[in-house]
Amino acid sequence: MFYQFLEIVQNGQVQSVLEVAQKMSISPDMVLQIAKDLSKRGYLQEIGGDCDMPQNTCSDCPAGSACPSTTRHWFLTEKGRTAIMLSQ
């Protein structure tokens, strides 16, 4: 299930927690729990989770200065990309 979630994030084809939940046939709460767990383990990083306003200081964030503070998006860390490659 973790690898499926990482692949969904990597492909970028879904735009919301609800879409991820539907694609994985799980609840939105489970999606958030998986994302939280993968973030704690260093496989994901959330964009906009803790941002109150657009920021220029997050140099490694793919959103750059256009931080989407009102939405939840994740991207794979190097560890997450490596996990995907090893699972294939």
PDB file of N, CA and C in Angstrom:
ATOM      1  N   MET A   1       0.826  -1.192   0.000  1.00  0.00           N
ATOM      2  CA  MET A   1       0.000   0.000   0.000  1.00  0.00           C
ATOM      3  C   MET A   1       0.872   1.258   0.000  1.00  0.00           C
ATOM      4  N   PHE A   2       1.990   1.224   0.752  1.00  0.00           N
ATOM      5  CA  PHE A   2       2.876   2.387   0.794  1.00  0.00           C
ATOM      6  C   PHE A   2       3.467   2.677  -0.585  1.00  0.00           C
ATOM      7  N   TYR A   3       3.891   1.614  -1.284  1.00  0.00           N
ATOM      8  CA  TYR A   3       4.468   1.801  -2.611  1.00  0.00           C
ATOM      9  C   TYR A   3       3.431   2.336  -3.593  1.00  0.00           C
ATOM     10  N   GLN A   4       2.199   1.863  -3.477  1.00  0.00           N
ATOM     11  CA  GLN A   4       1.131   2.357  -4.341  1.00  0.00           C
ATOM     12  C   GLN A   4       0.927   3.853  -4.112  1.00  0.00           C
ATOM     13  N   PHE A   5       0.927   4.266  -2.852  1.00  0.00           N
ATOM     14  CA  PHE A   5       0.769   5.683  -2.534  1.00  0.00           C
ATOM     15  C   PHE A   5       1.920   6.489  -3.121  1.00  0.00           C
ATOM     16  N   LEU A   6       3.159   5.992  -2.950  1.00  0.00           N
ATOM     17  CA  LEU A   6       4.325   6.693  -3.496  1.00  0.00           C
ATOM     18  C   LEU A   6       4.237   6.806  -5.015  1.00  0.00           C
ATOM     19  N   GLU A   7       3.784   5.758  -5.679  1.00  0.00           N
ATOM     20  CA  GLU A   7       3.648   5.802  -7.134  1.00  0.00           C
ATOM     21  C   GLU A   7       2.590   6.807  -7.571  1.00  0.00           C
ATOM     22  N   ILE A   8       1.499   6.901  -6.837  1.00  0.00           N
ATOM     23  CA  ILE A   8       0.456   7.874  -7.144  1.00  0.00           C
ATOM     24  C   ILE A   8       1.009   9.287  -7.021  1.00  0.00           C
ATOM     25  N   VAL A   9       1.757   9.541  -5.969  1.00  0.00           N
ATOM     26  CA  VAL A   9       2.358  10.865  -5.781  1.00  0.00           C
ATOM     27  C   VAL A   9       3.357  11.147  -6.899  1.00  0.00           C
ATOM     28  N   GLN A  10       4.170  10.148  -7.219  1.00  0.00           N
ATOM     29  CA  GLN A  10       5.181  10.327  -8.258  1.00  0.00           C
ATOM     30  C   GLN A  10       4.543  10.643  -9.608  1.00  0.00           C
ATOM     31  N   ASN A  11       3.463   9.942  -9.954  1.00  0.00           N
ATOM     32  CA  ASN A  11       2.801  10.154 -11.238  1.00  0.00           C
ATOM     33  C   ASN A  11       2.082  11.495 -11.315  1.00  0.00           C
ATOM     34  N   GLY A  12       1.656  12.018 -10.168  1.00  0.00           N
ATOM     35  CA  GLY A  12       1.014  13.327 -10.132  1.00  0.00           C
ATOM     36  C   GLY A  12      -0.314  13.398 -10.852  1.00  0.00           C
ATOM     37  N   GLN A  13      -0.997  12.280 -11.033  1.00  0.00           N
ATOM     38  CA  GLN A  13      -2.237  12.261 -11.791  1.00  0.00           C
ATOM     39  C   GLN A  13      -3.463  12.592 -10.943  1.00  0.00           C
ATOM     40  N   VAL A  14      -3.329  12.563  -9.639  1.00  0.00           N
ATOM     41  CA  VAL A  14      -4.471  12.896  -8.786  1.00  0.00           C
ATOM     42  C   VAL A  14      -4.214  14.234  -8.109  1.00  0.00           C
ATOM     43  N   GLN A  15      -5.290  14.926  -7.801  1.00  0.00           N
ATOM     44  CA  GLN A  15      -5.156  16.281  -7.301  1.00  0.00           C
ATOM     45  C   GLN A  15      -5.681  16.503  -5.887  1.00  0.00           C
ATOM     46  N   SER A  16      -6.277  15.481  -5.282  1.00  0.00           N
ATOM     47  CA  SER A  16      -6.848  15.691  -3.954  1.00  0.00           C
ATOM     48  C   SER A  16      -6.766  14.421  -3.125  1.00  0.00           C
ATOM     49  N   VAL A  17      -6.940  14.584  -1.825  1.00  0.00           N
ATOM     50  CA  VAL A  17      -6.967  13.442  -0.912  1.00  0.00           C
ATOM     51  C   VAL A  17      -8.089  12.493  -1.314  1.00  0.00           C
ATOM     52  N   LEU A  18      -9.223  13.046  -1.687  1.00  0.00           N
ATOM     53  CA  LEU A  18     -10.364  12.219  -2.099  1.00  0.00           C
ATOM     54  C   LEU A  18     -10.025  11.389  -3.341  1.00  0.00           C
ATOM     55  N   GLU A  19      -9.346  11.987  -4.306  1.00  0.00           N
ATOM     56  CA  GLU A  19      -8.955  11.243  -5.508  1.00  0.00           C
ATOM     57  C   GLU A  19      -7.981  10.119  -5.186  1.00  0.00           C
ATOM     58  N   VAL A  20      -7.025  10.382  -4.288  1.00  0.00           N
ATOM     59  CA  VAL A  20      -6.093   9.334  -3.871  1.00  0.00           C
ATOM     60  C   VAL A  20      -6.859   8.209  -3.192  1.00  0.00           C
ATOM     61  N   ALA A  21      -7.791   8.581  -2.319  1.00  0.00           N
ATOM     62  CA  ALA A  21      -8.598   7.585  -1.608  1.00  0.00           C
ATOM     63  C   ALA A  21      -9.386   6.719  -2.585  1.00  0.00           C
ATOM     64  N   GLN A  22      -9.989   7.346  -3.573  1.00  0.00           N
ATOM     65  CA  GLN A  22     -10.764   6.597  -4.559  1.00  0.00           C
ATOM     66  C   GLN A  22      -9.857   5.685  -5.381  1.00  0.00           C
ATOM     67  N   LYS A  23      -8.711   6.178  -5.773  1.00  0.00           N
ATOM     68  CA  LYS A  23      -7.780   5.387  -6.584  1.00  0.00           C
ATOM     69  C   LYS A  23      -7.267   4.172  -5.811  1.00  0.00           C
ATOM     70  N   MET A  24      -7.092   4.332  -4.489  1.00  0.00           N
ATOM     71  CA  MET A  24      -6.572   3.241  -3.664  1.00  0.00           C
ATOM     72  C   MET A  24      -7.677   2.428  -2.995  1.00  0.00           C
ATOM     73  N   SER A  25      -8.926   2.845  -3.149  1.00  0.00           N
ATOM     74  CA  SER A  25     -10.080   2.191  -2.510  1.00  0.00           C
ATOM     75  C   SER A  25      -9.948   2.159  -0.987  1.00  0.00           C
ATOM     76  N   ILE A  26      -9.569   3.312  -0.429  1.00  0.00           N
ATOM     77  CA  ILE A  26      -9.464   3.477   1.019  1.00  0.00           C
ATOM     78  C   ILE A  26     -10.125   4.799   1.404  1.00  0.00           C
ATOM     79  N   SER A  27     -10.247   5.042   2.695  1.00  0.00           N
ATOM     80  CA  SER A  27     -10.873   6.283   3.160  1.00  0.00           C
ATOM     81  C   SER A  27      -9.891   7.452   3.074  1.00  0.00           C
ATOM     82  N   PRO A  28     -10.423   8.675   2.969  1.00  0.00           N
ATOM     83  CA  PRO A  28      -9.554   9.850   2.996  1.00  0.00           C
ATOM     84  C   PRO A  28      -8.732   9.930   4.285  1.00  0.00           C
ATOM     85  N   ASP A  29      -9.301   9.498   5.407  1.00  0.00           N
ATOM     86  CA  ASP A  29      -8.545   9.498   6.663  1.00  0.00           C
ATOM     87  C   ASP A  29      -7.336   8.572   6.580  1.00  0.00           C
ATOM     88  N   MET A  30      -7.514   7.429   5.910  1.00  0.00           N
ATOM     89  CA  MET A  30      -6.402   6.490   5.735  1.00  0.00           C
ATOM     90  C   MET A  30      -5.330   7.104   4.840  1.00  0.00           C
ATOM     91  N   VAL A  31      -5.739   7.842   3.814  1.00  0.00           N
ATOM     92  CA  VAL A  31      -4.781   8.533   2.941  1.00  0.00           C
ATOM     93  C   VAL A  31      -3.931   9.484   3.768  1.00  0.00           C
ATOM     94  N   LEU A  32      -4.580  10.259   4.616  1.00  0.00           N
ATOM     95  CA  LEU A  32      -3.846  11.214   5.449  1.00  0.00           C
ATOM     96  C   LEU A  32      -2.912  10.505   6.424  1.00  0.00           C
ATOM     97  N   GLN A  33      -3.362   9.380   6.954  1.00  0.00           N
ATOM     98  CA  GLN A  33      -2.515   8.610   7.879  1.00  0.00           C
ATOM     99  C   GLN A  33      -1.290   8.057   7.151  1.00  0.00           C
ATOM    100  N   ILE A  34      -1.488   7.529   5.958  1.00  0.00           N
ATOM    101  CA  ILE A  34      -0.371   7.004   5.164  1.00  0.00           C
ATOM    102  C   ILE A  34       0.604   8.135   4.831  1.00  0.00           C
ATOM    103  N   ALA A  35       0.070   9.269   4.409  1.00  0.00           N
ATOM    104  CA  ALA A  35       0.922  10.410   4.077  1.00  0.00           C
ATOM    105  C   ALA A  35       1.720  10.870   5.295  1.00  0.00           C
ATOM    106  N   LYS A  36       1.070  10.917   6.433  1.00  0.00           N
ATOM    107  CA  LYS A  36       1.747  11.315   7.666  1.00  0.00           C
ATOM    108  C   LYS A  36       2.869  10.336   8.006  1.00  0.00           C
ATOM    109  N   ASP A  37       2.577   9.050   7.898  1.00  0.00           N
ATOM    110  CA  ASP A  37       3.572   8.019   8.203  1.00  0.00           C
ATOM    111  C   ASP A  37       4.751   8.083   7.227  1.00  0.00           C
ATOM    112  N   LEU A  38       4.457   8.201   5.940  1.00  0.00           N
ATOM    113  CA  LEU A  38       5.525   8.273   4.947  1.00  0.00           C
ATOM    114  C   LEU A  38       6.350   9.551   5.096  1.00  0.00           C
ATOM    115  N   SER A  39       5.710  10.623   5.524  1.00  0.00           N
ATOM    116  CA  SER A  39       6.434  11.868   5.774  1.00  0.00           C
ATOM    117  C   SER A  39       7.371  11.716   6.976  1.00  0.00           C
ATOM    118  N   LYS A  40       6.869  11.088   8.037  1.00  0.00           N
ATOM    119  CA  LYS A  40       7.700  10.866   9.227  1.00  0.00           C
ATOM    120  C   LYS A  40       8.885   9.970   8.916  1.00  0.00           C
ATOM    121  N   ARG A  41       8.691   9.023   7.997  1.00  0.00           N
ATOM    122  CA  ARG A  41       9.762   8.102   7.620  1.00  0.00           C
ATOM    123  C   ARG A  41      10.728   8.700   6.595  1.00  0.00           C
ATOM    124  N   GLY A  42      10.396   9.878   6.071  1.00  0.00           N
ATOM    125  CA  GLY A  42      11.289  10.555   5.144  1.00  0.00           C
ATOM    126  C   GLY A  42      11.091  10.238   3.679  1.00  0.00           C
ATOM    127  N   TYR A  43       9.972   9.602   3.322  1.00  0.00           N
ATOM    128  CA  TYR A  43       9.702   9.264   1.925  1.00  0.00           C
ATOM    129  C   TYR A  43       8.968  10.380   1.187  1.00  0.00           C
ATOM    130  N   LEU A  44       8.228  11.182   1.917  1.00  0.00           N
ATOM    131  CA  LEU A  44       7.428  12.270   1.346  1.00  0.00           C
ATOM    132  C   LEU A  44       7.719  13.568   2.066  1.00  0.00           C
ATOM    133  N   GLN A  45       7.430  14.656   1.365  1.00  0.00           N
ATOM    134  CA  GLN A  45       7.417  15.964   2.008  1.00  0.00           C
ATOM    135  C   GLN A  45       6.143  16.653   1.552  1.00  0.00           C
ATOM    136  N   GLU A  46       5.468  17.265   2.486  1.00  0.00           N
ATOM    137  CA  GLU A  46       4.216  17.945   2.153  1.00  0.00           C
ATOM    138  C   GLU A  46       4.498  19.389   1.767  1.00  0.00           C
ATOM    139  N   ILE A  47       3.818  19.829   0.720  1.00  0.00           N
ATOM    140  CA  ILE A  47       3.885  21.221   0.293  1.00  0.00           C
ATOM    141  C   ILE A  47       2.659  21.914   0.852  1.00  0.00           C
ATOM    142  N   GLY A  48       2.835  22.984   1.560  1.00  0.00           N
ATOM    143  CA  GLY A  48       1.706  23.775   2.018  1.00  0.00           C
ATOM    144  C   GLY A  48       1.126  23.356   3.346  1.00  0.00           C
ATOM    145  N   GLY A  49       1.608  22.295   3.954  1.00  0.00           N
ATOM    146  CA  GLY A  49       1.042  21.824   5.206  1.00  0.00           C
ATOM    147  C   GLY A  49       1.227  22.783   6.356  1.00  0.00           C
ATOM    148  N   ASP A  50       2.372  23.445   6.412  1.00  0.00           N
ATOM    149  CA  ASP A  50       2.664  24.343   7.525  1.00  0.00           C
ATOM    150  C   ASP A  50       2.828  25.785   7.080  1.00  0.00           C
ATOM    151  N   CYS A  51       2.548  26.061   5.816  1.00  0.00           N
ATOM    152  CA  CYS A  51       2.758  27.413   5.289  1.00  0.00           C
ATOM    153  C   CYS A  51       1.533  28.278   5.549  1.00  0.00           C
ATOM    154  N   ASP A  52       1.755  29.470   6.045  1.00  0.00           N
ATOM    155  CA  ASP A  52       0.670  30.423   6.231  1.00  0.00           C
ATOM    156  C   ASP A  52       0.626  31.443   5.106  1.00  0.00           C
ATOM    157  N   MET A  53       1.726  31.591   4.406  1.00  0.00           N
ATOM    158  CA  MET A  53       1.808  32.548   3.313  1.00  0.00           C
ATOM    159  C   MET A  53       2.889  32.091   2.347  1.00  0.00           C
ATOM    160  N   PRO A  54       2.881  32.604   1.109  1.00  0.00           N
ATOM    161  CA  PRO A  54       3.935  32.228   0.175  1.00  0.00           C
ATOM    162  C   PRO A  54       5.307  32.529   0.764  1.00  0.00           C
ATOM    163  N   GLN A  55       6.241  31.611   0.538  1.00  0.00           N
ATOM    164  CA  GLN A  55       7.563  31.749   1.132  1.00  0.00           C
ATOM    165  C   GLN A  55       8.635  31.576   0.067  1.00  0.00           C
ATOM    166  N   ASN A  56       9.739  32.250   0.249  1.00  0.00           N
ATOM    167  CA  ASN A  56      10.877  32.120  -0.646  1.00  0.00           C
ATOM    168  C   ASN A  56      12.002  31.339   0.007  1.00  0.00           C
ATOM    169  N   THR A  57      11.829  30.931   1.255  1.00  0.00           N
ATOM    170  CA  THR A  57      12.919  30.319   2.001  1.00  0.00           C
ATOM    171  C   THR A  57      12.994  28.813   1.871  1.00  0.00           C
ATOM    172  N   CYS A  58      12.026  28.182   1.249  1.00  0.00           N
ATOM    173  CA  CYS A  58      12.015  26.728   1.113  1.00  0.00           C
ATOM    174  C   CYS A  58      12.724  26.340  -0.177  1.00  0.00           C
ATOM    175  N   SER A  59      14.043  26.415  -0.199  1.00  0.00           N
ATOM    176  CA  SER A  59      14.803  26.254  -1.434  1.00  0.00           C
ATOM    177  C   SER A  59      14.635  24.890  -2.089  1.00  0.00           C
ATOM    178  N   ASP A  60      14.379  23.832  -1.303  1.00  0.00           N
ATOM    179  CA  ASP A  60      14.243  22.506  -1.902  1.00  0.00           C
ATOM    180  C   ASP A  60      12.804  22.155  -2.259  1.00  0.00           C
ATOM    181  N   CYS A  61      11.884  23.079  -2.070  1.00  0.00           N
ATOM    182  CA  CYS A  61      10.471  22.844  -2.355  1.00  0.00           C
ATOM    183  C   CYS A  61      10.188  23.108  -3.828  1.00  0.00           C
ATOM    184  N   PRO A  62       9.561  22.137  -4.535  1.00  0.00           N
ATOM    185  CA  PRO A  62       9.273  22.354  -5.950  1.00  0.00           C
ATOM    186  C   PRO A  62       8.259  23.461  -6.227  1.00  0.00           C
ATOM    187  N   ALA A  63       7.525  23.886  -5.214  1.00  0.00           N
ATOM    188  CA  ALA A  63       6.568  24.973  -5.411  1.00  0.00           C
ATOM    189  C   ALA A  63       7.260  26.329  -5.439  1.00  0.00           C
ATOM    190  N   GLY A  64       8.487  26.390  -4.932  1.00  0.00           N
ATOM    191  CA  GLY A  64       9.232  27.644  -4.924  1.00  0.00           C
ATOM    192  C   GLY A  64       8.496  28.741  -4.195  1.00  0.00           C
ATOM    193  N   SER A  65       8.410  29.896  -4.822  1.00  0.00           N
ATOM    194  CA  SER A  65       7.750  31.032  -4.164  1.00  0.00           C
ATOM    195  C   SER A  65       6.241  31.015  -4.336  1.00  0.00           C
ATOM    196  N   ALA A  66       5.715  30.054  -5.068  1.00  0.00           N
ATOM    197  CA  ALA A  66       4.266  29.953  -5.269  1.00  0.00           C
ATOM    198  C   ALA A  66       3.684  28.896  -4.347  1.00  0.00           C
ATOM    199  N   CYS A  67       4.005  28.965  -3.081  1.00  0.00           N
ATOM    200  CA  CYS A  67       3.582  27.973  -2.099  1.00  0.00           C
ATOM    201  C   CYS A  67       2.063  27.913  -2.022  1.00  0.00           C
ATOM    202  N   PRO A  68       1.468  26.750  -2.299  1.00  0.00           N
ATOM    203  CA  PRO A  68       0.007  26.617  -2.256  1.00  0.00           C
ATOM    204  C   PRO A  68      -0.485  26.348  -0.842  1.00  0.00           C
ATOM    205  N   SER A  69      -0.557  27.373  -0.036  1.00  0.00           N
ATOM    206  CA  SER A  69      -0.822  27.206   1.389  1.00  0.00           C
ATOM    207  C   SER A  69      -2.210  26.666   1.719  1.00  0.00           C
ATOM    208  N   THR A  70      -3.137  26.741   0.803  1.00  0.00           N
ATOM    209  CA  THR A  70      -4.487  26.284   1.127  1.00  0.00           C
ATOM    210  C   THR A  70      -4.767  24.864   0.656  1.00  0.00           C
ATOM    211  N   THR A  71      -3.808  24.208   0.059  1.00  0.00           N
ATOM    212  CA  THR A  71      -4.015  22.848  -0.425  1.00  0.00           C
ATOM    213  C   THR A  71      -2.977  21.909   0.169  1.00  0.00           C
ATOM    214  N   ARG A  72      -3.199  20.611  -0.006  1.00  0.00           N
ATOM    215  CA  ARG A  72      -2.251  19.609   0.467  1.00  0.00           C
ATOM    216  C   ARG A  72      -1.696  18.865  -0.727  1.00  0.00           C
ATOM    217  N   HIS A  73      -0.424  18.988  -0.906  1.00  0.00           N
ATOM    218  CA  HIS A  73       0.263  18.265  -1.966  1.00  0.00           C
ATOM    219  C   HIS A  73       1.521  17.671  -1.380  1.00  0.00           C
ATOM    220  N   TRP A  74       1.898  16.527  -1.913  1.00  0.00           N
ATOM    221  CA  TRP A  74       3.116  15.886  -1.452  1.00  0.00           C
ATOM    222  C   TRP A  74       4.045  15.673  -2.632  1.00  0.00           C
ATOM    223  N   PHE A  75       5.334  15.620  -2.352  1.00  0.00           N
ATOM    224  CA  PHE A  75       6.288  15.211  -3.357  1.00  0.00           C
ATOM    225  C   PHE A  75       7.244  14.219  -2.727  1.00  0.00           C
ATOM    226  N   LEU A  76       7.830  13.390  -3.577  1.00  0.00           N
ATOM    227  CA  LEU A  76       8.743  12.364  -3.097  1.00  0.00           C
ATOM    228  C   LEU A  76      10.087  12.974  -2.748  1.00  0.00           C
ATOM    229  N   THR A  77      10.639  12.533  -1.654  1.00  0.00           N
ATOM    230  CA  THR A  77      12.008  12.891  -1.314  1.00  0.00           C
ATOM    231  C   THR A  77      12.934  11.954  -2.091  1.00  0.00           C
ATOM    232  N   GLU A  78      14.219  12.154  -1.964  1.00  0.00           N
ATOM    233  CA  GLU A  78      15.178  11.243  -2.601  1.00  0.00           C
ATOM    234  C   GLU A  78      14.955   9.810  -2.110  1.00  0.00           C
ATOM    235  N   LYS A  79      14.691   9.663  -0.836  1.00  0.00           N
ATOM    236  CA  LYS A  79      14.420   8.340  -0.258  1.00  0.00           C
ATOM    237  C   LYS A  79      13.171   7.720  -0.889  1.00  0.00           C
ATOM    238  N   GLY A  80      12.149   8.515  -1.126  1.00  0.00           N
ATOM    239  CA  GLY A  80      10.929   8.029  -1.756  1.00  0.00           C
ATOM    240  C   GLY A  80      11.162   7.607  -3.199  1.00  0.00           C
ATOM    241  N   ARG A  81      11.933   8.405  -3.944  1.00  0.00           N
ATOM    242  CA  ARG A  81      12.242   8.045  -5.329  1.00  0.00           C
ATOM    243  C   ARG A  81      13.057   6.746  -5.392  1.00  0.00           C
ATOM    244  N   THR A  82      13.986   6.590  -4.458  1.00  0.00           N
ATOM    245  CA  THR A  82      14.786   5.374  -4.410  1.00  0.00           C
ATOM    246  C   THR A  82      13.911   4.159  -4.098  1.00  0.00           C
ATOM    247  N   ALA A  83      12.976   4.308  -3.180  1.00  0.00           N
ATOM    248  CA  ALA A  83      12.070   3.214  -2.821  1.00  0.00           C
ATOM    249  C   ALA A  83      11.244   2.767  -4.023  1.00  0.00           C
ATOM    250  N   ILE A  84      10.769   3.722  -4.824  1.00  0.00           N
ATOM    251  CA  ILE A  84       9.995   3.409  -6.023  1.00  0.00           C
ATOM    252  C   ILE A  84      10.860   2.631  -7.015  1.00  0.00           C
ATOM    253  N   MET A  85      12.079   3.091  -7.232  1.00  0.00           N
ATOM    254  CA  MET A  85      12.967   2.413  -8.182  1.00  0.00           C
ATOM    255  C   MET A  85      13.274   1.006  -7.740  1.00  0.00           C
ATOM    256  N   LEU A  86      13.483   0.802  -6.444  1.00  0.00           N
ATOM    257  CA  LEU A  86      13.809  -0.536  -5.933  1.00  0.00           C
ATOM    258  C   LEU A  86      12.621  -1.475  -5.965  1.00  0.00           C
ATOM    259  N   SER A  87      11.403  -0.941  -5.920  1.00  0.00           N
ATOM    260  CA  SER A  87      10.215  -1.787  -5.904  1.00  0.00           C
ATOM    261  C   SER A  87       9.823  -2.287  -7.302  1.00  0.00           C
ATOM    262  N   GLN A  88      10.414  -1.710  -8.321  1.00  0.00           N
ATOM    263  CA  GLN A  88      10.038  -2.093  -9.694  1.00  0.00           C
ATOM    264  C   GLN A  88      10.852  -3.225 -10.221  1.00  0.00           C
TER     265      GLN A  88
END
